[in-house]
PDB file of N, CA and C in Angstrom:
ATOM      1  N   MET A   1      22.599 -43.704   6.010  1.00  0.00           N
ATOM      2  CA  MET A   1      24.070 -43.893   5.480  1.00  0.00           C
ATOM      3  C   MET A   1      24.429 -44.971   4.145  1.00  0.00           C
ATOM      4  N   SER A   2      25.128 -44.822   3.390  1.00  0.00           N
ATOM      5  CA  SER A   2      25.630 -45.601   1.936  1.00  0.00           C
ATOM      6  C   SER A   2      26.560 -46.610   2.842  1.00  0.00           C
ATOM      7  N   ARG A   3      26.881 -47.539   1.522  1.00  0.00           N
ATOM      8  CA  ARG A   3      27.841 -48.419   1.557  1.00  0.00           C
ATOM      9  C   ARG A   3      28.747 -48.386   2.328  1.00  0.00           C
ATOM     10  N   GLY A   4      29.837 -48.552   2.792  1.00  0.00           N
ATOM     11  CA  GLY A   4      31.181 -48.295   3.429  1.00  0.00           C
ATOM     12  C   GLY A   4      31.093 -46.797   4.289  1.00  0.00           C
ATOM     13  N   GLY A   5      29.911 -46.765   4.708  1.00  0.00           N
ATOM     14  CA  GLY A   5      30.232 -45.942   6.182  1.00  0.00           C
ATOM     15  C   GLY A   5      29.837 -44.508   5.860  1.00  0.00           C
ATOM     16  N   LYS A   6      30.464 -43.754   4.012  1.00  0.00           N
ATOM     17  CA  LYS A   6      30.281 -42.777   3.804  1.00  0.00           C
ATOM     18  C   LYS A   6      28.812 -41.724   4.186  1.00  0.00           C
ATOM     19  N   LEU A   7      28.598 -40.952   4.440  1.00  0.00           N
ATOM     20  CA  LEU A   7      27.455 -39.888   4.287  1.00  0.00           C
ATOM     21  C   LEU A   7      27.231 -39.119   2.385  1.00  0.00           C
ATOM     22  N   ALA A   8      25.787 -39.510   2.031  1.00  0.00           N
ATOM     23  CA  ALA A   8      25.955 -39.398   1.212  1.00  0.00           C
ATOM     24  C   ALA A   8      26.220 -37.623   0.808  1.00  0.00           C
ATOM     25  N   PRO A   9      26.621 -37.276  -0.208  1.00  0.00           N
ATOM     26  CA  PRO A   9      27.266 -36.061  -0.943  1.00  0.00           C
ATOM     27  C   PRO A   9      26.461 -34.429  -0.405  1.00  0.00           C
ATOM     28  N   GLU A  10      24.885 -34.866  -0.444  1.00  0.00           N
ATOM     29  CA  GLU A  10      24.131 -33.262   0.055  1.00  0.00           C
ATOM     30  C   GLU A  10      24.498 -33.817   1.790  1.00  0.00           C
ATOM     31  N   VAL A  11      24.900 -34.388   2.308  1.00  0.00           N
ATOM     32  CA  VAL A  11      24.557 -34.198   3.615  1.00  0.00           C
ATOM     33  C   VAL A  11      25.353 -33.112   4.017  1.00  0.00           C
ATOM     34  N   GLN A  12      25.030 -32.267   4.992  1.00  0.00           N
ATOM     35  CA  GLN A  12      25.830 -31.728   5.988  1.00  0.00           C
ATOM     36  C   GLN A  12      25.075 -30.747   6.891  1.00  0.00           C
ATOM     37  N   ARG A  13      26.012 -30.255   7.605  1.00  0.00           N
ATOM     38  CA  ARG A  13      25.620 -29.591   9.022  1.00  0.00           C
ATOM     39  C   ARG A  13      24.763 -28.530   8.532  1.00  0.00           C
ATOM     40  N   ALA A  14      24.017 -27.806   7.813  1.00  0.00           N
ATOM     41  CA  ALA A  14      23.366 -26.656   7.640  1.00  0.00           C
ATOM     42  C   ALA A  14      21.771 -27.474   7.060  1.00  0.00           C
ATOM     43  N   LEU A  15      20.988 -27.031   7.453  1.00  0.00           N
ATOM     44  CA  LEU A  15      19.374 -27.919   7.360  1.00  0.00           C
ATOM     45  C   LEU A  15      18.650 -26.161   7.061  1.00  0.00           C
ATOM     46  N   PHE A  16      17.787 -26.828   5.611  1.00  0.00           N
ATOM     47  CA  PHE A  16      16.732 -25.303   5.347  1.00  0.00           C
ATOM     48  C   PHE A  16      15.468 -26.552   5.918  1.00  0.00           C
ATOM     49  N   VAL A  17      14.633 -25.632   6.916  1.00  0.00           N
ATOM     50  CA  VAL A  17      13.325 -25.542   7.444  1.00  0.00           C
ATOM     51  C   VAL A  17      12.640 -25.352   6.552  1.00  0.00           C
ATOM     52  N   LYS A  18      11.154 -25.199   6.309  1.00  0.00           N
ATOM     53  CA  LYS A  18      10.009 -24.893   5.748  1.00  0.00           C
ATOM     54  C   LYS A  18       9.344 -25.187   6.384  1.00  0.00           C
ATOM     55  N   ASN A  19       7.531 -24.254   6.364  1.00  0.00           N
ATOM     56  CA  ASN A  19       6.468 -24.624   6.619  1.00  0.00           C
ATOM     57  C   ASN A  19       5.671 -24.219   8.364  1.00  0.00           C
ATOM     58  N   LEU A  20       6.870 -23.654   8.136  1.00  0.00           N
ATOM     59  CA  LEU A  20       6.941 -23.293  10.086  1.00  0.00           C
ATOM     60  C   LEU A  20       5.945 -22.344  10.271  1.00  0.00           C
ATOM     61  N   SER A  21       5.999 -22.207  11.162  1.00  0.00           N
ATOM     62  CA  SER A  21       4.306 -21.012  11.715  1.00  0.00           C
ATOM     63  C   SER A  21       5.144 -19.943  11.815  1.00  0.00           C
ATOM     64  N   TYR A  22       4.312 -18.819  11.361  1.00  0.00           N
ATOM     65  CA  TYR A  22       5.104 -17.405  11.444  1.00  0.00           C
ATOM     66  C   TYR A  22       4.952 -16.798  12.579  1.00  0.00           C
ATOM     67  N   ASN A  23       4.486 -17.617  13.642  1.00  0.00           N
ATOM     68  CA  ASN A  23       4.018 -17.490  15.631  1.00  0.00           C
ATOM     69  C   ASN A  23       5.398 -18.278  15.967  1.00  0.00           C
ATOM     70  N   VAL A  24       6.064 -19.177  15.195  1.00  0.00           N
ATOM     71  CA  VAL A  24       7.123 -19.410  16.118  1.00  0.00           C
ATOM     72  C   VAL A  24       7.700 -19.314  16.562  1.00  0.00           C
ATOM     73  N   SER A  25       8.851 -19.208  17.804  1.00  0.00           N
ATOM     74  CA  SER A  25       9.684 -18.234  18.616  1.00  0.00           C
ATOM     75  C   SER A  25      11.011 -18.728  18.422  1.00  0.00           C
ATOM     76  N   SER A  26      12.057 -18.263  18.431  1.00  0.00           N
ATOM     77  CA  SER A  26      13.486 -19.076  18.375  1.00  0.00           C
ATOM     78  C   SER A  26      13.783 -19.774  19.215  1.00  0.00           C
ATOM     79  N   GLU A  27      13.263 -19.544  20.706  1.00  0.00           N
ATOM     80  CA  GLU A  27      13.717 -20.901  21.775  1.00  0.00           C
ATOM     81  C   GLU A  27      12.853 -21.939  21.445  1.00  0.00           C
ATOM     82  N   GLU A  28      11.389 -21.925  20.390  1.00  0.00           N
ATOM     83  CA  GLU A  28      10.738 -22.991  20.619  1.00  0.00           C
ATOM     84  C   GLU A  28      11.736 -23.871  19.607  1.00  0.00           C
ATOM     85  N   LEU A  29      12.127 -23.589  18.395  1.00  0.00           N
ATOM     86  CA  LEU A  29      12.902 -23.905  17.454  1.00  0.00           C
ATOM     87  C   LEU A  29      13.987 -24.623  17.867  1.00  0.00           C
ATOM     88  N   PHE A  30      14.852 -24.136  19.124  1.00  0.00           N
ATOM     89  CA  PHE A  30      15.927 -24.802  19.721  1.00  0.00           C
ATOM     90  C   PHE A  30      15.845 -25.450  20.271  1.00  0.00           C
ATOM     91  N   ASP A  31      14.424 -25.924  21.197  1.00  0.00           N
ATOM     92  CA  ASP A  31      13.737 -26.678  22.137  1.00  0.00           C
ATOM     93  C   ASP A  31      13.604 -27.684  21.161  1.00  0.00           C
ATOM     94  N   LEU A  32      12.615 -27.880  19.671  1.00  0.00           N
ATOM     95  CA  LEU A  32      12.712 -28.908  18.570  1.00  0.00           C
ATOM     96  C   LEU A  32      13.607 -29.147  17.670  1.00  0.00           C
ATOM     97  N   PHE A  33      14.706 -28.772  17.797  1.00  0.00           N
ATOM     98  CA  PHE A  33      16.004 -29.500  16.946  1.00  0.00           C
ATOM     99  C   PHE A  33      17.174 -29.141  18.111  1.00  0.00           C
ATOM    100  N   GLY A  34      17.270 -28.504  18.742  1.00  0.00           N
ATOM    101  CA  GLY A  34      18.185 -29.232  20.029  1.00  0.00           C
ATOM    102  C   GLY A  34      18.126 -30.374  20.843  1.00  0.00           C
ATOM    103  N   LYS A  35      17.010 -31.506  20.324  1.00  0.00           N
ATOM    104  CA  LYS A  35      17.064 -32.753  20.928  1.00  0.00           C
ATOM    105  C   LYS A  35      17.914 -33.413  20.200  1.00  0.00           C
ATOM    106  N   PHE A  36      18.529 -33.383  18.855  1.00  0.00           N
ATOM    107  CA  PHE A  36      19.190 -33.648  18.455  1.00  0.00           C
ATOM    108  C   PHE A  36      20.989 -33.538  18.539  1.00  0.00           C
ATOM    109  N   GLY A  37      21.340 -32.605  19.240  1.00  0.00           N
ATOM    110  CA  GLY A  37      22.940 -32.341  19.150  1.00  0.00           C
ATOM    111  C   GLY A  37      22.817 -30.698  19.602  1.00  0.00           C
ATOM    112  N   PRO A  38      23.801 -30.298  20.100  1.00  0.00           N
ATOM    113  CA  PRO A  38      24.297 -29.290  19.794  1.00  0.00           C
ATOM    114  C   PRO A  38      23.888 -28.040  18.589  1.00  0.00           C
ATOM    115  N   ILE A  39      23.351 -27.222  18.914  1.00  0.00           N
ATOM    116  CA  ILE A  39      23.604 -26.232  17.451  1.00  0.00           C
ATOM    117  C   ILE A  39      24.195 -25.032  17.711  1.00  0.00           C
ATOM    118  N   ARG A  40      24.819 -24.522  16.572  1.00  0.00           N
ATOM    119  CA  ARG A  40      25.537 -23.315  16.495  1.00  0.00           C
ATOM    120  C   ARG A  40      24.280 -22.248  15.956  1.00  0.00           C
ATOM    121  N   GLN A  41      23.799 -22.267  14.744  1.00  0.00           N
ATOM    122  CA  GLN A  41      22.852 -21.222  15.222  1.00  0.00           C
ATOM    123  C   GLN A  41      21.283 -21.517  14.301  1.00  0.00           C
ATOM    124  N   ILE A  42      20.647 -20.380  14.509  1.00  0.00           N
ATOM    125  CA  ILE A  42      19.006 -20.279  13.846  1.00  0.00           C
ATOM    126  C   ILE A  42      19.020 -19.347  13.782  1.00  0.00           C
ATOM    127  N   ARG A  43      18.352 -19.645  12.060  1.00  0.00           N
ATOM    128  CA  ARG A  43      18.152 -18.385  11.722  1.00  0.00           C
ATOM    129  C   ARG A  43      16.838 -18.186  10.698  1.00  0.00           C
ATOM    130  N   GLN A  44      15.807 -17.241  11.503  1.00  0.00           N
ATOM    131  CA  GLN A  44      14.291 -17.716  10.527  1.00  0.00           C
ATOM    132  C   GLN A  44      14.441 -16.808   9.757  1.00  0.00           C
ATOM    133  N   GLY A  45      13.537 -16.782   8.664  1.00  0.00           N
ATOM    134  CA  GLY A  45      13.451 -15.522   7.454  1.00  0.00           C
ATOM    135  C   GLY A  45      12.166 -15.116   8.032  1.00  0.00           C
ATOM    136  N   ILE A  46      12.391 -13.532   7.863  1.00  0.00           N
ATOM    137  CA  ILE A  46      11.433 -12.409   8.421  1.00  0.00           C
ATOM    138  C   ILE A  46      10.929 -11.490   7.057  1.00  0.00           C
ATOM    139  N   ALA A  47      11.084 -11.426   6.139  1.00  0.00           N
ATOM    140  CA  ALA A  47      10.861 -10.992   4.715  1.00  0.00           C
ATOM    141  C   ALA A  47       9.699 -11.534   4.495  1.00  0.00           C
ATOM    142  N   ASN A  48       9.245 -11.361   3.963  1.00  0.00           N
ATOM    143  CA  ASN A  48       7.349 -11.335   3.730  1.00  0.00           C
ATOM    144  C   ASN A  48       7.699 -13.180   2.594  1.00  0.00           C
ATOM    145  N   ASN A  49       8.817 -12.306   2.018  1.00  0.00           N
ATOM    146  CA  ASN A  49       9.120 -14.332   1.190  1.00  0.00           C
ATOM    147  C   ASN A  49      10.273 -14.865   1.413  1.00  0.00           C
ATOM    148  N   THR A  50      10.145 -14.618   2.882  1.00  0.00           N
ATOM    149  CA  THR A  50      10.961 -16.045   4.026  1.00  0.00           C
ATOM    150  C   THR A  50      10.328 -16.546   4.890  1.00  0.00           C
ATOM    151  N   LYS A  51       9.375 -15.573   5.740  1.00  0.00           N
ATOM    152  CA  LYS A  51       8.558 -16.158   6.469  1.00  0.00           C
ATOM    153  C   LYS A  51       8.171 -17.468   6.865  1.00  0.00           C
ATOM    154  N   GLY A  52       8.206 -18.030   7.536  1.00  0.00           N
ATOM    155  CA  GLY A  52       8.258 -19.859   7.747  1.00  0.00           C
ATOM    156  C   GLY A  52       8.795 -20.610   7.176  1.00  0.00           C
ATOM    157  N   THR A  53       9.795 -19.593   7.322  1.00  0.00           N
ATOM    158  CA  THR A  53      11.087 -21.304   6.662  1.00  0.00           C
ATOM    159  C   THR A  53      12.307 -20.083   7.866  1.00  0.00           C
ATOM    160  N   ALA A  54      13.292 -21.297   7.807  1.00  0.00           N
ATOM    161  CA  ALA A  54      14.637 -21.159   8.950  1.00  0.00           C
ATOM    162  C   ALA A  54      15.562 -22.101   8.275  1.00  0.00           C
ATOM    163  N   PHE A  55      17.010 -21.721   8.313  1.00  0.00           N
ATOM    164  CA  PHE A  55      17.915 -22.613   8.448  1.00  0.00           C
ATOM    165  C   PHE A  55      18.585 -22.827  10.053  1.00  0.00           C
ATOM    166  N   VAL A  56      18.884 -23.984  10.221  1.00  0.00           N
ATOM    167  CA  VAL A  56      19.212 -25.197  11.229  1.00  0.00           C
ATOM    168  C   VAL A  56      21.096 -25.108  11.042  1.00  0.00           C
ATOM    169  N   VAL A  57      22.279 -25.008  11.643  1.00  0.00           N
ATOM    170  CA  VAL A  57      23.005 -25.257  12.062  1.00  0.00           C
ATOM    171  C   VAL A  57      23.734 -26.481  12.919  1.00  0.00           C
ATOM    172  N   TYR A  58      23.684 -27.227  12.918  1.00  0.00           N
ATOM    173  CA  TYR A  58      24.449 -27.974  14.000  1.00  0.00           C
ATOM    174  C   TYR A  58      25.837 -27.963  13.902  1.00  0.00           C
ATOM    175  N   GLU A  59      26.677 -28.762  15.462  1.00  0.00           N
ATOM    176  CA  GLU A  59      27.842 -28.340  15.564  1.00  0.00           C
ATOM    177  C   GLU A  59      28.552 -29.597  14.340  1.00  0.00           C
ATOM    178  N   ASP A  60      27.557 -30.655  14.687  1.00  0.00           N
ATOM    179  CA  ASP A  60      28.186 -31.862  14.040  1.00  0.00           C
ATOM    180  C   ASP A  60      27.215 -32.625  12.587  1.00  0.00           C
ATOM    181  N   VAL A  61      28.074 -32.662  11.742  1.00  0.00           N
ATOM    182  CA  VAL A  61      26.948 -33.464  10.805  1.00  0.00           C
ATOM    183  C   VAL A  61      25.879 -34.377  10.645  1.00  0.00           C
ATOM    184  N   MET A  62      26.676 -35.506  11.728  1.00  0.00           N
ATOM    185  CA  MET A  62      25.941 -36.657  12.108  1.00  0.00           C
ATOM    186  C   MET A  62      24.613 -35.691  13.047  1.00  0.00           C
ATOM    187  N   ASP A  63      24.189 -35.203  13.401  1.00  0.00           N
ATOM    188  CA  ASP A  63      23.316 -34.701  14.046  1.00  0.00           C
ATOM    189  C   ASP A  63      22.322 -33.906  13.463  1.00  0.00           C
ATOM    190  N   ALA A  64      22.648 -32.756  12.569  1.00  0.00           N
ATOM    191  CA  ALA A  64      21.699 -32.588  11.183  1.00  0.00           C
ATOM    192  C   ALA A  64      21.484 -33.563  11.156  1.00  0.00           C
ATOM    193  N   LYS A  65      22.195 -34.735  10.153  1.00  0.00           N
ATOM    194  CA  LYS A  65      21.427 -35.914   9.621  1.00  0.00           C
ATOM    195  C   LYS A  65      20.091 -36.481  10.394  1.00  0.00           C
ATOM    196  N   THR A  66      20.277 -36.995  11.220  1.00  0.00           N
ATOM    197  CA  THR A  66      19.852 -37.186  12.700  1.00  0.00           C
ATOM    198  C   THR A  66      18.262 -36.677  12.312  1.00  0.00           C
ATOM    199  N   ALA A  67      18.317 -34.985  13.119  1.00  0.00           N
ATOM    200  CA  ALA A  67      17.303 -34.000  13.016  1.00  0.00           C
ATOM    201  C   ALA A  67      16.690 -33.924  11.408  1.00  0.00           C
ATOM    202  N   CYS A  68      16.892 -34.265  10.335  1.00  0.00           N
ATOM    203  CA  CYS A  68      16.841 -34.330   8.440  1.00  0.00           C
ATOM    204  C   CYS A  68      15.657 -35.461   9.134  1.00  0.00           C
ATOM    205  N   ASP A  69      16.443 -36.806   9.265  1.00  0.00           N
ATOM    206  CA  ASP A  69      15.614 -38.247   8.452  1.00  0.00           C
ATOM    207  C   ASP A  69      14.722 -37.895  10.279  1.00  0.00           C
ATOM    208  N   LYS A  70      14.287 -37.108  11.358  1.00  0.00           N
ATOM    209  CA  LYS A  70      13.240 -37.973  12.043  1.00  0.00           C
ATOM    210  C   LYS A  70      12.258 -36.004  11.453  1.00  0.00           C
ATOM    211  N   LEU A  71      12.796 -35.080  11.202  1.00  0.00           N
ATOM    212  CA  LEU A  71      12.425 -34.212  11.936  1.00  0.00           C
ATOM    213  C   LEU A  71      11.113 -34.209  10.019  1.00  0.00           C
ATOM    214  N   ASN A  72      11.872 -34.199   8.690  1.00  0.00           N
ATOM    215  CA  ASN A  72      11.117 -34.723   7.922  1.00  0.00           C
ATOM    216  C   ASN A  72       9.587 -34.153   8.140  1.00  0.00           C
ATOM    217  N   GLY A  73       8.531 -34.273   7.653  1.00  0.00           N
ATOM    218  CA  GLY A  73       7.664 -34.647   7.930  1.00  0.00           C
ATOM    219  C   GLY A  73       6.881 -34.773   9.150  1.00  0.00           C
ATOM    220  N   PHE A  74       7.301 -34.096  10.132  1.00  0.00           N
ATOM    221  CA  PHE A  74       6.829 -34.372  11.499  1.00  0.00           C
ATOM    222  C   PHE A  74       6.422 -33.019  11.671  1.00  0.00           C
ATOM    223  N   ASN A  75       4.942 -33.779  12.615  1.00  0.00           N
ATOM    224  CA  ASN A  75       3.789 -32.059  12.739  1.00  0.00           C
ATOM    225  C   ASN A  75       4.416 -31.232  13.792  1.00  0.00           C
ATOM    226  N   PHE A  76       4.114 -30.332  13.837  1.00  0.00           N
ATOM    227  CA  PHE A  76       4.624 -29.492  14.244  1.00  0.00           C
ATOM    228  C   PHE A  76       3.732 -28.071  14.668  1.00  0.00           C
ATOM    229  N   GLN A  77       3.716 -28.024  15.803  1.00  0.00           N
ATOM    230  CA  GLN A  77       2.207 -26.781  15.271  1.00  0.00           C
ATOM    231  C   GLN A  77       0.917 -26.701  14.524  1.00  0.00           C
ATOM    232  N   ASN A  78       0.432 -28.181  14.871  1.00  0.00           N
ATOM    233  CA  ASN A  78      -0.201 -28.554  13.524  1.00  0.00           C
ATOM    234  C   ASN A  78       0.304 -28.180  12.432  1.00  0.00           C
ATOM    235  N   ARG A  79       1.527 -27.908  12.001  1.00  0.00           N
ATOM    236  CA  ARG A  79       1.882 -28.315  10.878  1.00  0.00           C
ATOM    237  C   ARG A  79       3.158 -28.786   9.844  1.00  0.00           C
ATOM    238  N   TYR A  80       2.946 -29.473   8.720  1.00  0.00           N
ATOM    239  CA  TYR A  80       4.193 -30.595   9.323  1.00  0.00           C
ATOM    240  C   TYR A  80       5.398 -29.708   7.873  1.00  0.00           C
ATOM    241  N   LEU A  81       6.620 -30.232   8.842  1.00  0.00           N
ATOM    242  CA  LEU A  81       7.889 -29.895   8.643  1.00  0.00           C
ATOM    243  C   LEU A  81       8.086 -30.366   7.289  1.00  0.00           C
ATOM    244  N   VAL A  82       9.089 -29.332   6.914  1.00  0.00           N
ATOM    245  CA  VAL A  82       9.727 -29.733   5.591  1.00  0.00           C
ATOM    246  C   VAL A  82      11.759 -29.642   5.972  1.00  0.00           C
ATOM    247  N   VAL A  83      11.501 -30.465   6.608  1.00  0.00           N
ATOM    248  CA  VAL A  83      13.440 -29.986   6.476  1.00  0.00           C
ATOM    249  C   VAL A  83      14.714 -30.654   5.410  1.00  0.00           C
ATOM    250  N   LEU A  84      15.073 -29.937   5.065  1.00  0.00           N
ATOM    251  CA  LEU A  84      16.337 -30.104   4.020  1.00  0.00           C
ATOM    252  C   LEU A  84      17.198 -29.459   4.275  1.00  0.00           C
ATOM    253  N   TYR A  85      18.316 -30.806   3.515  1.00  0.00           N
ATOM    254  CA  TYR A  85      19.850 -30.449   3.216  1.00  0.00           C
ATOM    255  C   TYR A  85      20.201 -28.995   3.077  1.00  0.00           C
ATOM    256  N   HIS A  86      20.472 -27.696   3.357  1.00  0.00           N
ATOM    257  CA  HIS A  86      21.152 -26.494   2.663  1.00  0.00           C
ATOM    258  C   HIS A  86      21.886 -26.943   1.435  1.00  0.00           C
ATOM    259  N   GLN A  87      21.343 -26.499   0.352  1.00  0.00           N
ATOM    260  CA  GLN A  87      21.975 -26.908  -0.977  1.00  0.00           C
ATOM    261  C   GLN A  87      22.560 -25.464  -1.563  1.00  0.00           C
ATOM    262  N   PRO A  88      23.363 -24.572  -1.400  1.00  0.00           N
ATOM    263  CA  PRO A  88      23.721 -23.054  -1.660  1.00  0.00           C
ATOM    264  C   PRO A  88      23.503 -23.451  -3.781  1.00  0.00           C
ATOM    265  N   GLU A  89      24.429 -24.111  -3.577  1.00  0.00           N
ATOM    266  CA  GLU A  89      24.352 -24.094  -5.658  1.00  0.00           C
ATOM    267  C   GLU A  89      23.117 -24.656  -6.211  1.00  0.00           C
ATOM    268  N   LYS A  90      22.804 -25.189  -5.830  1.00  0.00           N
ATOM    269  CA  LYS A  90      21.170 -25.811  -6.640  1.00  0.00           C
ATOM    270  C   LYS A  90      20.067 -24.045  -5.918  1.00  0.00           C
ATOM    271  N   MET A  91      20.104 -23.829  -4.970  1.00  0.00           N
ATOM    272  CA  MET A  91      19.004 -22.655  -4.463  1.00  0.00           C
ATOM    273  C   MET A  91      19.684 -21.333  -5.952  1.00  0.00           C
ATOM    274  N   ALA A  92      21.313 -21.156  -5.493  1.00  0.00           N
ATOM    275  CA  ALA A  92      21.388 -20.064  -6.794  1.00  0.00           C
ATOM    276  C   ALA A  92      20.863 -20.750  -9.283  1.00  0.00           C
ATOM    277  N   ARG A  93      20.674 -21.809  -8.634  1.00  0.00           N
ATOM    278  CA  ARG A  93      20.787 -22.553  -9.717  1.00  0.00           C
ATOM    279  C   ARG A  93      19.009 -21.712  -9.762  1.00  0.00           C
ATOM    280  N   SER A  94      18.929 -23.100  -8.874  1.00  0.00           N
ATOM    281  CA  SER A  94      16.667 -22.205  -9.318  1.00  0.00           C
ATOM    282  C   SER A  94      16.335 -20.923  -9.227  1.00  0.00           C
ATOM    283  N   GLU A  95      17.182 -20.278  -9.007  1.00  0.00           N
ATOM    284  CA  GLU A  95      16.942 -18.270  -9.211  1.00  0.00           C
ATOM    285  C   GLU A  95      17.491 -18.126 -10.091  1.00  0.00           C
ATOM    286  N   ASN A  96      18.089 -18.805 -10.399  1.00  0.00           N
ATOM    287  CA  ASN A  96      18.950 -18.183 -12.197  1.00  0.00           C
ATOM    288  C   ASN A  96      18.000 -18.328 -13.386  1.00  0.00           C
ATOM    289  N   ASP A  97      17.340 -19.515 -12.649  1.00  0.00           N
ATOM    290  CA  ASP A  97      16.297 -20.466 -13.887  1.00  0.00           C
ATOM    291  C   ASP A  97      15.111 -20.297 -13.515  1.00  0.00           C
ATOM    292  N   LEU A  98      14.527 -19.444 -12.444  1.00  0.00           N
ATOM    293  CA  LEU A  98      13.403 -18.557 -12.236  1.00  0.00           C
ATOM    294  C   LEU A  98      13.285 -16.757 -13.165  1.00  0.00           C
ATOM    295  N   ALA A  99      14.454 -16.486 -12.825  1.00  0.00           N
ATOM    296  CA  ALA A  99      14.989 -15.266 -13.996  1.00  0.00           C
ATOM    297  C   ALA A  99      14.337 -15.206 -15.193  1.00  0.00           C
ATOM    298  N   LYS A 100      15.020 -16.936 -15.771  1.00  0.00           N
ATOM    299  CA  LYS A 100      14.871 -17.252 -17.259  1.00  0.00           C
ATOM    300  C   LYS A 100      13.255 -17.024 -17.542  1.00  0.00           C
ATOM    301  N   ARG A 101      13.023 -17.757 -16.937  1.00  0.00           N
ATOM    302  CA  ARG A 101      11.393 -18.093 -16.807  1.00  0.00           C
ATOM    303  C   ARG A 101      10.566 -16.842 -17.420  1.00  0.00           C
ATOM    304  N   GLN A 102      10.944 -16.174 -16.076  1.00  0.00           N
ATOM    305  CA  GLN A 102      10.019 -14.599 -15.942  1.00  0.00           C
ATOM    306  C   GLN A 102      10.500 -13.854 -17.059  1.00  0.00           C
ATOM    307  N   GLU A 103      11.595 -13.891 -18.490  1.00  0.00           N
ATOM    308  CA  GLU A 103      12.430 -13.225 -18.422  1.00  0.00           C
ATOM    309  C   GLU A 103      11.530 -13.922 -20.209  1.00  0.00           C
ATOM    310  N   SER A 104      11.255 -15.551 -20.298  1.00  0.00           N
ATOM    311  CA  SER A 104      10.757 -16.035 -21.279  1.00  0.00           C
ATOM    312  C   SER A 104       9.162 -15.946 -21.288  1.00  0.00           C
ATOM    313  N   LEU A 105       8.538 -15.450 -20.248  1.00  0.00           N
ATOM    314  CA  LEU A 105       6.912 -15.403 -19.638  1.00  0.00           C
ATOM    315  C   LEU A 105       6.647 -13.941 -20.583  1.00  0.00           C
ATOM    316  N   GLU A 106       7.649 -13.104 -20.142  1.00  0.00           N
ATOM    317  CA  GLU A 106       7.217 -11.664 -20.309  1.00  0.00           C
ATOM    318  C   GLU A 106       7.405 -11.395 -22.560  1.00  0.00           C
ATOM    319  N   LYS A 107       8.153 -11.919 -22.885  1.00  0.00           N
ATOM    320  CA  LYS A 107       8.492 -12.462 -23.905  1.00  0.00           C
ATOM    321  C   LYS A 107       7.177 -12.730 -24.670  1.00  0.00           C
ATOM    322  N   LEU A 108       6.841 -14.316 -24.070  1.00  0.00           N
ATOM    323  CA  LEU A 108       5.980 -14.307 -24.829  1.00  0.00           C
ATOM    324  C   LEU A 108       4.165 -13.055 -24.278  1.00  0.00           C
ATOM    325  N   LYS A 109       4.123 -12.676 -23.875  1.00  0.00           N
ATOM    326  CA  LYS A 109       3.413 -12.063 -23.708  1.00  0.00           C
ATOM    327  C   LYS A 109       2.878 -10.601 -24.367  1.00  0.00           C
ATOM    328  N   ARG A 110       4.459  -9.783 -24.523  1.00  0.00           N
ATOM    329  CA  ARG A 110       4.912  -8.802 -25.384  1.00  0.00           C
ATOM    330  C   ARG A 110       4.243  -9.380 -27.019  1.00  0.00           C
ATOM    331  N   GLN A 111       4.260 -10.252 -26.979  1.00  0.00           N
ATOM    332  CA  GLN A 111       4.345 -11.208 -28.635  1.00  0.00           C
ATOM    333  C   GLN A 111       2.979 -11.076 -28.803  1.00  0.00           C
ATOM    334  N   HIS A 112       2.450 -12.242 -27.614  1.00  0.00           N
ATOM    335  CA  HIS A 112       0.761 -11.952 -28.452  1.00  0.00           C
ATOM    336  C   HIS A 112       0.362 -10.950 -27.280  1.00  0.00           C
ATOM    337  N   GLY A 113       0.638  -9.872 -27.034  1.00  0.00           N
ATOM    338  CA  GLY A 113       0.002  -9.061 -26.560  1.00  0.00           C
ATOM    339  C   GLY A 113      -1.156  -8.576 -25.057  1.00  0.00           C
ATOM    340  N   ILE A 114      -0.298  -9.217 -24.458  1.00  0.00           N
ATOM    341  CA  ILE A 114      -1.109  -9.586 -23.590  1.00  0.00           C
ATOM    342  C   ILE A 114      -0.592  -8.822 -22.662  1.00  0.00           C
ATOM    343  N   ASP A 115      -1.606  -8.080 -21.213  1.00  0.00           N
ATOM    344  CA  ASP A 115      -0.540  -7.718 -20.385  1.00  0.00           C
ATOM    345  C   ASP A 115      -0.112  -8.581 -19.173  1.00  0.00           C
TER     346      ASP A 115
END
């Protein structure tokens, strides 16, 4: 916690989890993350570009903070978890940046005759 007992602005109830095993079950995720408090929802990535990820939404922000603090870097099923606070505005910005970079790359390829 920061000074004055307030949470940092990025702290929220929704967590984004990366580096999960493709074979992890939702029950195993509920068991692991449920140790830190009541969970509202867990959504696992199933598309090719989202496999190995999940969103975990807690009922209480303090439970989410505790889970993030304790589970980021935790070895689960022989993989080190990456647990972050979900920041949709940051994700949208990064997708936008990626599209611009891809456009720039295509332009450079055309300029230099590279397929």
